[in-house]
Amino acid sequence: MKLIYTGKTKNVFDNLDGTYTLKLKDDATGKDGVFDPGMNQVGLTIEGLGRESLRLSEYYFRKLSAAGVPTHFVDCDFEEVTMKILPAELFGKGLEFVCRRLSWGSFVRRYGQYTTQGENLDYLVEVTLKSDEREDPPIAPESLVALGIMTDAEYAECHRLTREVARLIHEDLTSHGLELADIKFEFGKCDGKITLVDEFSAGVMRALRDGEVVAPMELAGLVLGE
């Protein structure tokens, strides 16, 4: 394998056979040792978090594939804490589609004049550019098209998939006594088809239990019933 990208919570390797491998880390986003999936910097390291994220990723990727959602997932290795994936062409240098079922975190920090924590947002979709140095700035659909990052049709499909997958995740969480506050997705093109990529973990979603955010190391166990 050839290392091609070093990220905050994972590294990416080229297997040189037409597939790639994600190596998940125990690092989590946050600030001053406090976990926050909305932050774009590593704030703490939690032993075993990479493996828990991998377990959750396998569970949801298989469930979504069975529901007909195109994903880049191929297989995973829990001993090596790795996930084999199909190569995907990103939009621009990477986008995040954030689906907000409830008003929480950075949304409240930005729009607190108009909303309170926990308010129902009915699967509102926001898009941000992946850019640590620019703190992942939000971008409007019109700007995505004007800058040549994606077409109107590509945006519409990513928007549709974002809401569809978020609803499926929320329905599954409710079956385990949890609820979804918000979740972020990344999309790319595999063989020209828009495909869900990246991972599923506490780092990309806020799941609630009795109104409180579930801790990163607890989420997989609660969902998988272990």
C-alpha atoms as a PDB file:
ATOM      1  CA  MET A   1       0.000   0.000   0.000  1.00  0.00           C
ATOM      2  CA  LYS A   2       1.082   3.552  -0.720  1.00  0.00           C
ATOM      3  CA  LEU A   3       0.153   6.368   1.677  1.00  0.00           C
ATOM      4  CA  ILE A   4      -1.501   9.135  -0.327  1.00  0.00           C
ATOM      5  CA  TYR A   5      -3.275  11.246   2.324  1.00  0.00           C
ATOM      6  CA  THR A   6      -2.887  11.915   6.047  1.00  0.00           C
ATOM      7  CA  GLY A   7      -6.044  13.212   7.696  1.00  0.00           C
ATOM      8  CA  LYS A   8      -7.208  14.190  11.173  1.00  0.00           C
ATOM      9  CA  THR A   9      -9.057  10.963  11.927  1.00  0.00           C
ATOM     10  CA  LYS A  10      -7.833   8.623   9.166  1.00  0.00           C
ATOM     11  CA  ASN A  11      -5.111   7.970   6.612  1.00  0.00           C
ATOM     12  CA  VAL A  12      -5.740   6.908   3.006  1.00  0.00           C
ATOM     13  CA  PHE A  13      -3.669   4.328   1.147  1.00  0.00           C
ATOM     14  CA  ASP A  14      -3.625   3.303  -2.511  1.00  0.00           C
ATOM     15  CA  ASN A  15      -3.673  -0.506  -2.706  1.00  0.00           C
ATOM     16  CA  LEU A  16      -2.324  -0.304  -6.276  1.00  0.00           C
ATOM     17  CA  ASP A  17      -5.034  -2.733  -7.421  1.00  0.00           C
ATOM     18  CA  GLY A  18      -7.845  -0.270  -8.155  1.00  0.00           C
ATOM     19  CA  THR A  19      -9.007   0.011  -4.537  1.00  0.00           C
ATOM     20  CA  TYR A  20      -8.042   2.194  -1.584  1.00  0.00           C
ATOM     21  CA  THR A  21      -7.781   1.621   2.164  1.00  0.00           C
ATOM     22  CA  LEU A  22      -8.845   3.904   5.006  1.00  0.00           C
ATOM     23  CA  LYS A  23      -6.855   3.436   8.226  1.00  0.00           C
ATOM     24  CA  LEU A  24      -9.011   4.814  11.045  1.00  0.00           C
ATOM     25  CA  LYS A  25      -7.325   6.551  13.982  1.00  0.00           C
ATOM     26  CA  ASP A  26      -8.247   6.975  17.637  1.00  0.00           C
ATOM     27  CA  ASP A  27      -8.206  10.759  17.222  1.00  0.00           C
ATOM     28  CA  ALA A  28     -11.439  12.746  17.554  1.00  0.00           C
ATOM     29  CA  THR A  29     -12.404  16.285  16.640  1.00  0.00           C
ATOM     30  CA  GLY A  30     -12.988  18.780  19.414  1.00  0.00           C
ATOM     31  CA  LYS A  31     -11.301  21.479  21.451  1.00  0.00           C
ATOM     32  CA  ASP A  32      -9.356  21.482  24.702  1.00  0.00           C
ATOM     33  CA  GLY A  33      -9.975  17.785  25.241  1.00  0.00           C
ATOM     34  CA  VAL A  34     -13.733  18.036  24.721  1.00  0.00           C
ATOM     35  CA  PHE A  35     -15.304  16.018  21.878  1.00  0.00           C
ATOM     36  CA  ASP A  36     -17.267  18.005  19.275  1.00  0.00           C
ATOM     37  CA  PRO A  37     -18.163  16.520  15.853  1.00  0.00           C
ATOM     38  CA  GLY A  38     -18.653  20.060  14.559  1.00  0.00           C
ATOM     39  CA  MET A  39     -15.021  21.076  15.048  1.00  0.00           C
ATOM     40  CA  ASN A  40     -12.425  20.801  12.290  1.00  0.00           C
ATOM     41  CA  GLN A  41      -9.420  20.087  14.489  1.00  0.00           C
ATOM     42  CA  VAL A  42      -8.257  17.123  16.556  1.00  0.00           C
ATOM     43  CA  GLY A  43      -9.142  17.797  20.181  1.00  0.00           C
ATOM     44  CA  LEU A  44      -8.488  14.472  21.886  1.00  0.00           C
ATOM     45  CA  THR A  45      -7.440  10.856  21.449  1.00  0.00           C
ATOM     46  CA  ILE A  46      -9.714   8.057  22.687  1.00  0.00           C
ATOM     47  CA  GLU A  47      -8.206   4.581  22.790  1.00  0.00           C
ATOM     48  CA  GLY A  48     -10.218   2.158  20.657  1.00  0.00           C
ATOM     49  CA  LEU A  49     -12.236   4.861  18.887  1.00  0.00           C
ATOM     50  CA  GLY A  50     -10.974   3.854  15.442  1.00  0.00           C
ATOM     51  CA  ARG A  51     -12.244   0.294  15.852  1.00  0.00           C
ATOM     52  CA  GLU A  52     -15.622   1.488  17.157  1.00  0.00           C
ATOM     53  CA  SER A  53     -15.935   3.840  14.176  1.00  0.00           C
ATOM     54  CA  LEU A  54     -15.116   0.954  11.839  1.00  0.00           C
ATOM     55  CA  ARG A  55     -17.793  -1.253  13.404  1.00  0.00           C
ATOM     56  CA  LEU A  56     -20.388   1.485  12.957  1.00  0.00           C
ATOM     57  CA  SER A  57     -19.231   2.168   9.390  1.00  0.00           C
ATOM     58  CA  GLU A  58     -19.567  -1.462   8.351  1.00  0.00           C
ATOM     59  CA  TYR A  59     -23.023  -1.665   9.910  1.00  0.00           C
ATOM     60  CA  TYR A  60     -24.399   1.409   8.154  1.00  0.00           C
ATOM     61  CA  PHE A  61     -22.682   0.908   4.807  1.00  0.00           C
ATOM     62  CA  ARG A  62     -24.097  -2.615   4.544  1.00  0.00           C
ATOM     63  CA  LYS A  63     -27.541  -1.408   5.605  1.00  0.00           C
ATOM     64  CA  LEU A  64     -27.492   1.435   3.080  1.00  0.00           C
ATOM     65  CA  SER A  65     -26.224  -0.783   0.265  1.00  0.00           C
ATOM     66  CA  ALA A  66     -29.114  -3.145   0.969  1.00  0.00           C
ATOM     67  CA  ALA A  67     -31.468  -0.151   0.686  1.00  0.00           C
ATOM     68  CA  GLY A  68     -30.066   0.683  -2.750  1.00  0.00           C
ATOM     69  CA  VAL A  69     -27.878   3.629  -1.748  1.00  0.00           C
ATOM     70  CA  PRO A  70     -24.612   3.642  -3.753  1.00  0.00           C
ATOM     71  CA  THR A  71     -21.559   3.585  -1.442  1.00  0.00           C
ATOM     72  CA  HIS A  72     -17.804   3.184  -1.810  1.00  0.00           C
ATOM     73  CA  PHE A  73     -17.613   0.422   0.843  1.00  0.00           C
ATOM     74  CA  VAL A  74     -15.970  -2.878  -0.124  1.00  0.00           C
ATOM     75  CA  ASP A  75     -14.897  -4.620   3.091  1.00  0.00           C
ATOM     76  CA  CYS A  76     -13.158  -4.039   6.404  1.00  0.00           C
ATOM     77  CA  ASP A  77     -10.511  -5.570   8.648  1.00  0.00           C
ATOM     78  CA  PHE A  78     -11.179  -5.055  12.356  1.00  0.00           C
ATOM     79  CA  GLU A  79      -7.754  -6.331  13.398  1.00  0.00           C
ATOM     80  CA  GLU A  80      -5.988  -3.754  11.249  1.00  0.00           C
ATOM     81  CA  VAL A  81      -8.742  -1.143  11.802  1.00  0.00           C
ATOM     82  CA  THR A  82      -8.993  -0.572   8.051  1.00  0.00           C
ATOM     83  CA  MET A  83     -11.755  -0.246   5.493  1.00  0.00           C
ATOM     84  CA  LYS A  84     -11.288  -1.107   1.825  1.00  0.00           C
ATOM     85  CA  ILE A  85     -13.106   1.276  -0.502  1.00  0.00           C
ATOM     86  CA  LEU A  86     -13.644   2.031  -4.173  1.00  0.00           C
ATOM     87  CA  PRO A  87     -11.824   5.077  -5.571  1.00  0.00           C
ATOM     88  CA  ALA A  88     -14.007   8.148  -5.900  1.00  0.00           C
ATOM     89  CA  GLU A  89     -13.535  11.470  -7.640  1.00  0.00           C
ATOM     90  CA  LEU A  90     -14.386  14.264  -5.189  1.00  0.00           C
ATOM     91  CA  PHE A  91     -16.256  17.442  -5.993  1.00  0.00           C
ATOM     92  CA  GLY A  92     -13.634  20.173  -6.007  1.00  0.00           C
ATOM     93  CA  LYS A  93     -11.300  19.574  -3.058  1.00  0.00           C
ATOM     94  CA  GLY A  94     -14.108  17.987  -1.047  1.00  0.00           C
ATOM     95  CA  LEU A  95     -17.545  19.021   0.201  1.00  0.00           C
ATOM     96  CA  GLU A  96     -19.549  18.151   3.286  1.00  0.00           C
ATOM     97  CA  PHE A  97     -23.337  17.938   3.087  1.00  0.00           C
ATOM     98  CA  VAL A  98     -24.630  18.562   6.590  1.00  0.00           C
ATOM     99  CA  CYS A  99     -28.165  17.415   7.363  1.00  0.00           C
ATOM    100  CA  ARG A 100     -29.682  19.031  10.437  1.00  0.00           C
ATOM    101  CA  ARG A 101     -32.731  17.374  11.902  1.00  0.00           C
ATOM    102  CA  LEU A 102     -32.439  19.486  15.065  1.00  0.00           C
ATOM    103  CA  SER A 103     -30.818  22.836  15.769  1.00  0.00           C
ATOM    104  CA  TRP A 104     -27.559  22.052  17.562  1.00  0.00           C
ATOM    105  CA  GLY A 105     -23.890  22.996  17.901  1.00  0.00           C
ATOM    106  CA  SER A 106     -22.464  25.365  15.301  1.00  0.00           C
ATOM    107  CA  PHE A 107     -25.935  26.029  13.864  1.00  0.00           C
ATOM    108  CA  VAL A 108     -27.023  27.544  17.175  1.00  0.00           C
ATOM    109  CA  ARG A 109     -23.724  29.442  17.483  1.00  0.00           C
ATOM    110  CA  ARG A 110     -24.298  31.024  14.066  1.00  0.00           C
ATOM    111  CA  TYR A 111     -28.056  31.551  14.139  1.00  0.00           C
ATOM    112  CA  GLY A 112     -28.848  31.831  17.827  1.00  0.00           C
ATOM    113  CA  GLN A 113     -30.801  35.032  17.187  1.00  0.00           C
ATOM    114  CA  TYR A 114     -33.393  32.929  15.401  1.00  0.00           C
ATOM    115  CA  THR A 115     -33.196  29.430  16.878  1.00  0.00           C
ATOM    116  CA  THR A 116     -32.700  27.541  20.121  1.00  0.00           C
ATOM    117  CA  GLN A 117     -31.008  24.214  20.743  1.00  0.00           C
ATOM    118  CA  GLY A 118     -33.206  21.245  19.926  1.00  0.00           C
ATOM    119  CA  GLU A 119     -35.580  23.092  17.578  1.00  0.00           C
ATOM    120  CA  ASN A 120     -36.878  20.905  14.738  1.00  0.00           C
ATOM    121  CA  LEU A 121     -35.221  21.804  11.403  1.00  0.00           C
ATOM    122  CA  ASP A 122     -36.881  19.021   9.375  1.00  0.00           C
ATOM    123  CA  TYR A 123     -33.721  17.689   7.692  1.00  0.00           C
ATOM    124  CA  LEU A 124     -32.336  21.050   6.588  1.00  0.00           C
ATOM    125  CA  VAL A 125     -29.272  20.651   4.319  1.00  0.00           C
ATOM    126  CA  GLU A 126     -26.170  22.863   4.398  1.00  0.00           C
ATOM    127  CA  VAL A 127     -23.017  22.495   2.301  1.00  0.00           C
ATOM    128  CA  THR A 128     -19.506  23.420   3.430  1.00  0.00           C
ATOM    129  CA  LEU A 129     -16.151  23.377   1.685  1.00  0.00           C
ATOM    130  CA  LYS A 130     -13.614  21.027   3.251  1.00  0.00           C
ATOM    131  CA  SER A 131     -10.876  23.476   4.229  1.00  0.00           C
ATOM    132  CA  ASP A 132      -9.260  23.461   7.671  1.00  0.00           C
ATOM    133  CA  GLU A 133      -7.466  26.755   7.084  1.00  0.00           C
ATOM    134  CA  ARG A 134     -10.764  28.436   6.137  1.00  0.00           C
ATOM    135  CA  GLU A 135     -12.715  26.641   8.890  1.00  0.00           C
ATOM    136  CA  ASP A 136     -14.986  24.781   6.440  1.00  0.00           C
ATOM    137  CA  PRO A 137     -16.940  27.780   5.105  1.00  0.00           C
ATOM    138  CA  PRO A 138     -20.590  27.289   4.080  1.00  0.00           C
ATOM    139  CA  ILE A 139     -21.261  27.658   0.365  1.00  0.00           C
ATOM    140  CA  ALA A 140     -24.518  28.290  -1.505  1.00  0.00           C
ATOM    141  CA  PRO A 141     -25.697  25.963  -4.311  1.00  0.00           C
ATOM    142  CA  GLU A 142     -25.422  28.824  -6.802  1.00  0.00           C
ATOM    143  CA  SER A 143     -21.780  29.340  -5.807  1.00  0.00           C
ATOM    144  CA  LEU A 144     -21.025  25.635  -6.268  1.00  0.00           C
ATOM    145  CA  VAL A 145     -22.270  25.874  -9.842  1.00  0.00           C
ATOM    146  CA  ALA A 146     -20.643  29.258 -10.558  1.00  0.00           C
ATOM    147  CA  LEU A 147     -17.247  27.985  -9.370  1.00  0.00           C
ATOM    148  CA  GLY A 148     -17.518  24.816 -11.440  1.00  0.00           C
ATOM    149  CA  ILE A 149     -17.461  22.523  -8.389  1.00  0.00           C
ATOM    150  CA  MET A 150     -20.650  20.709  -9.374  1.00  0.00           C
ATOM    151  CA  THR A 151     -23.629  21.092 -11.676  1.00  0.00           C
ATOM    152  CA  ASP A 152     -27.210  21.878 -10.689  1.00  0.00           C
ATOM    153  CA  ALA A 153     -28.140  18.236 -11.351  1.00  0.00           C
ATOM    154  CA  GLU A 154     -25.243  16.926  -9.241  1.00  0.00           C
ATOM    155  CA  TYR A 155     -26.202  19.217  -6.364  1.00  0.00           C
ATOM    156  CA  ALA A 156     -29.834  18.107  -6.576  1.00  0.00           C
ATOM    157  CA  GLU A 157     -28.819  14.435  -6.403  1.00  0.00           C
ATOM    158  CA  CYS A 158     -26.457  14.978  -3.447  1.00  0.00           C
ATOM    159  CA  HIS A 159     -29.172  16.992  -1.663  1.00  0.00           C
ATOM    160  CA  ARG A 160     -31.709  14.201  -2.266  1.00  0.00           C
ATOM    161  CA  LEU A 161     -29.320  11.506  -1.037  1.00  0.00           C
ATOM    162  CA  THR A 162     -28.392  13.570   2.016  1.00  0.00           C
ATOM    163  CA  ARG A 163     -31.992  13.773   3.209  1.00  0.00           C
ATOM    164  CA  GLU A 164     -32.785  10.171   2.248  1.00  0.00           C
ATOM    165  CA  VAL A 165     -29.787   8.707   4.082  1.00  0.00           C
ATOM    166  CA  ALA A 166     -30.274  10.961   7.121  1.00  0.00           C
ATOM    167  CA  ARG A 167     -33.868   9.730   7.427  1.00  0.00           C
ATOM    168  CA  LEU A 168     -32.711   6.100   7.184  1.00  0.00           C
ATOM    169  CA  ILE A 169     -30.070   6.698   9.871  1.00  0.00           C
ATOM    170  CA  HIS A 170     -32.578   8.423  12.148  1.00  0.00           C
ATOM    171  CA  GLU A 171     -35.097   5.607  11.733  1.00  0.00           C
ATOM    172  CA  ASP A 172     -32.426   3.092  12.661  1.00  0.00           C
ATOM    173  CA  LEU A 173     -31.268   5.124  15.658  1.00  0.00           C
ATOM    174  CA  THR A 174     -34.830   5.385  16.973  1.00  0.00           C
ATOM    175  CA  SER A 175     -35.074   1.588  16.933  1.00  0.00           C
ATOM    176  CA  HIS A 176     -32.191   1.622  19.430  1.00  0.00           C
ATOM    177  CA  GLY A 177     -33.684   4.290  21.696  1.00  0.00           C
ATOM    178  CA  LEU A 178     -31.662   7.124  20.152  1.00  0.00           C
ATOM    179  CA  GLU A 179     -32.366  10.045  17.836  1.00  0.00           C
ATOM    180  CA  LEU A 180     -30.379  11.953  15.266  1.00  0.00           C
ATOM    181  CA  ALA A 181     -29.589  15.627  15.786  1.00  0.00           C
ATOM    182  CA  ASP A 182     -27.343  16.148  12.758  1.00  0.00           C
ATOM    183  CA  ILE A 183     -25.021  14.253  10.430  1.00  0.00           C
ATOM    184  CA  LYS A 184     -22.550  15.135   7.697  1.00  0.00           C
ATOM    185  CA  PHE A 185     -21.938  13.227   4.485  1.00  0.00           C
ATOM    186  CA  GLU A 186     -19.380  13.312   1.717  1.00  0.00           C
ATOM    187  CA  PHE A 187     -20.060  12.325  -1.868  1.00  0.00           C
ATOM    188  CA  GLY A 188     -17.877  11.498  -4.829  1.00  0.00           C
ATOM    189  CA  LYS A 189     -18.183   9.836  -8.207  1.00  0.00           C
ATOM    190  CA  CYS A 190     -17.405   6.151  -8.606  1.00  0.00           C
ATOM    191  CA  ASP A 191     -17.363   5.247 -12.307  1.00  0.00           C
ATOM    192  CA  GLY A 192     -19.272   8.454 -12.984  1.00  0.00           C
ATOM    193  CA  LYS A 193     -22.069   7.708 -10.475  1.00  0.00           C
ATOM    194  CA  ILE A 194     -22.651   9.893  -7.406  1.00  0.00           C
ATOM    195  CA  THR A 195     -21.728   7.749  -4.413  1.00  0.00           C
ATOM    196  CA  LEU A 196     -21.706   8.095  -0.632  1.00  0.00           C
ATOM    197  CA  VAL A 197     -18.119   8.048   0.665  1.00  0.00           C
ATOM    198  CA  ASP A 198     -16.089   8.545   3.881  1.00  0.00           C
ATOM    199  CA  GLU A 199     -17.189   6.802   7.121  1.00  0.00           C
ATOM    200  CA  PHE A 200     -19.877   6.577   9.813  1.00  0.00           C
ATOM    201  CA  SER A 201     -18.844   7.417  13.349  1.00  0.00           C
ATOM    202  CA  ALA A 202     -19.596   9.679  16.290  1.00  0.00           C
ATOM    203  CA  GLY A 203     -17.285  12.107  14.507  1.00  0.00           C
ATOM    204  CA  VAL A 204     -19.755  12.678  11.676  1.00  0.00           C
ATOM    205  CA  MET A 205     -23.064  12.543  13.545  1.00  0.00           C
ATOM    206  CA  ARG A 206     -24.657  13.752  16.753  1.00  0.00           C
ATOM    207  CA  ALA A 207     -26.837  11.009  18.199  1.00  0.00           C
ATOM    208  CA  LEU A 208     -28.900  11.803  21.292  1.00  0.00           C
ATOM    209  CA  ARG A 209     -30.115   9.675  24.172  1.00  0.00           C
ATOM    210  CA  ASP A 210     -32.599  11.361  26.507  1.00  0.00           C
ATOM    211  CA  GLY A 211     -31.631  14.710  25.018  1.00  0.00           C
ATOM    212  CA  GLU A 212     -27.897  14.305  25.621  1.00  0.00           C
ATOM    213  CA  VAL A 213     -25.205  13.689  22.994  1.00  0.00           C
ATOM    214  CA  VAL A 214     -23.982  10.076  23.084  1.00  0.00           C
ATOM    215  CA  ALA A 215     -20.267   9.778  23.888  1.00  0.00           C
ATOM    216  CA  PRO A 216     -18.059   8.582  20.991  1.00  0.00           C
ATOM    217  CA  MET A 217     -17.145   5.240  22.564  1.00  0.00           C
ATOM    218  CA  GLU A 218     -20.758   4.429  23.431  1.00  0.00           C
ATOM    219  CA  LEU A 219     -22.432   4.960  20.074  1.00  0.00           C
ATOM    220  CA  ALA A 220     -21.444   1.760  18.258  1.00  0.00           C
ATOM    221  CA  GLY A 221     -22.309  -0.399  21.273  1.00  0.00           C
ATOM    222  CA  LEU A 222     -25.758   1.182  21.604  1.00  0.00           C
ATOM    223  CA  VAL A 223     -26.513   0.797  17.889  1.00  0.00           C
ATOM    224  CA  LEU A 224     -25.125  -2.730  17.588  1.00  0.00           C
ATOM    225  CA  GLY A 225     -26.656  -3.831  20.894  1.00  0.00           C
ATOM    226  CA  GLU A 226     -23.374  -4.823  22.509  1.00  0.00           C
END
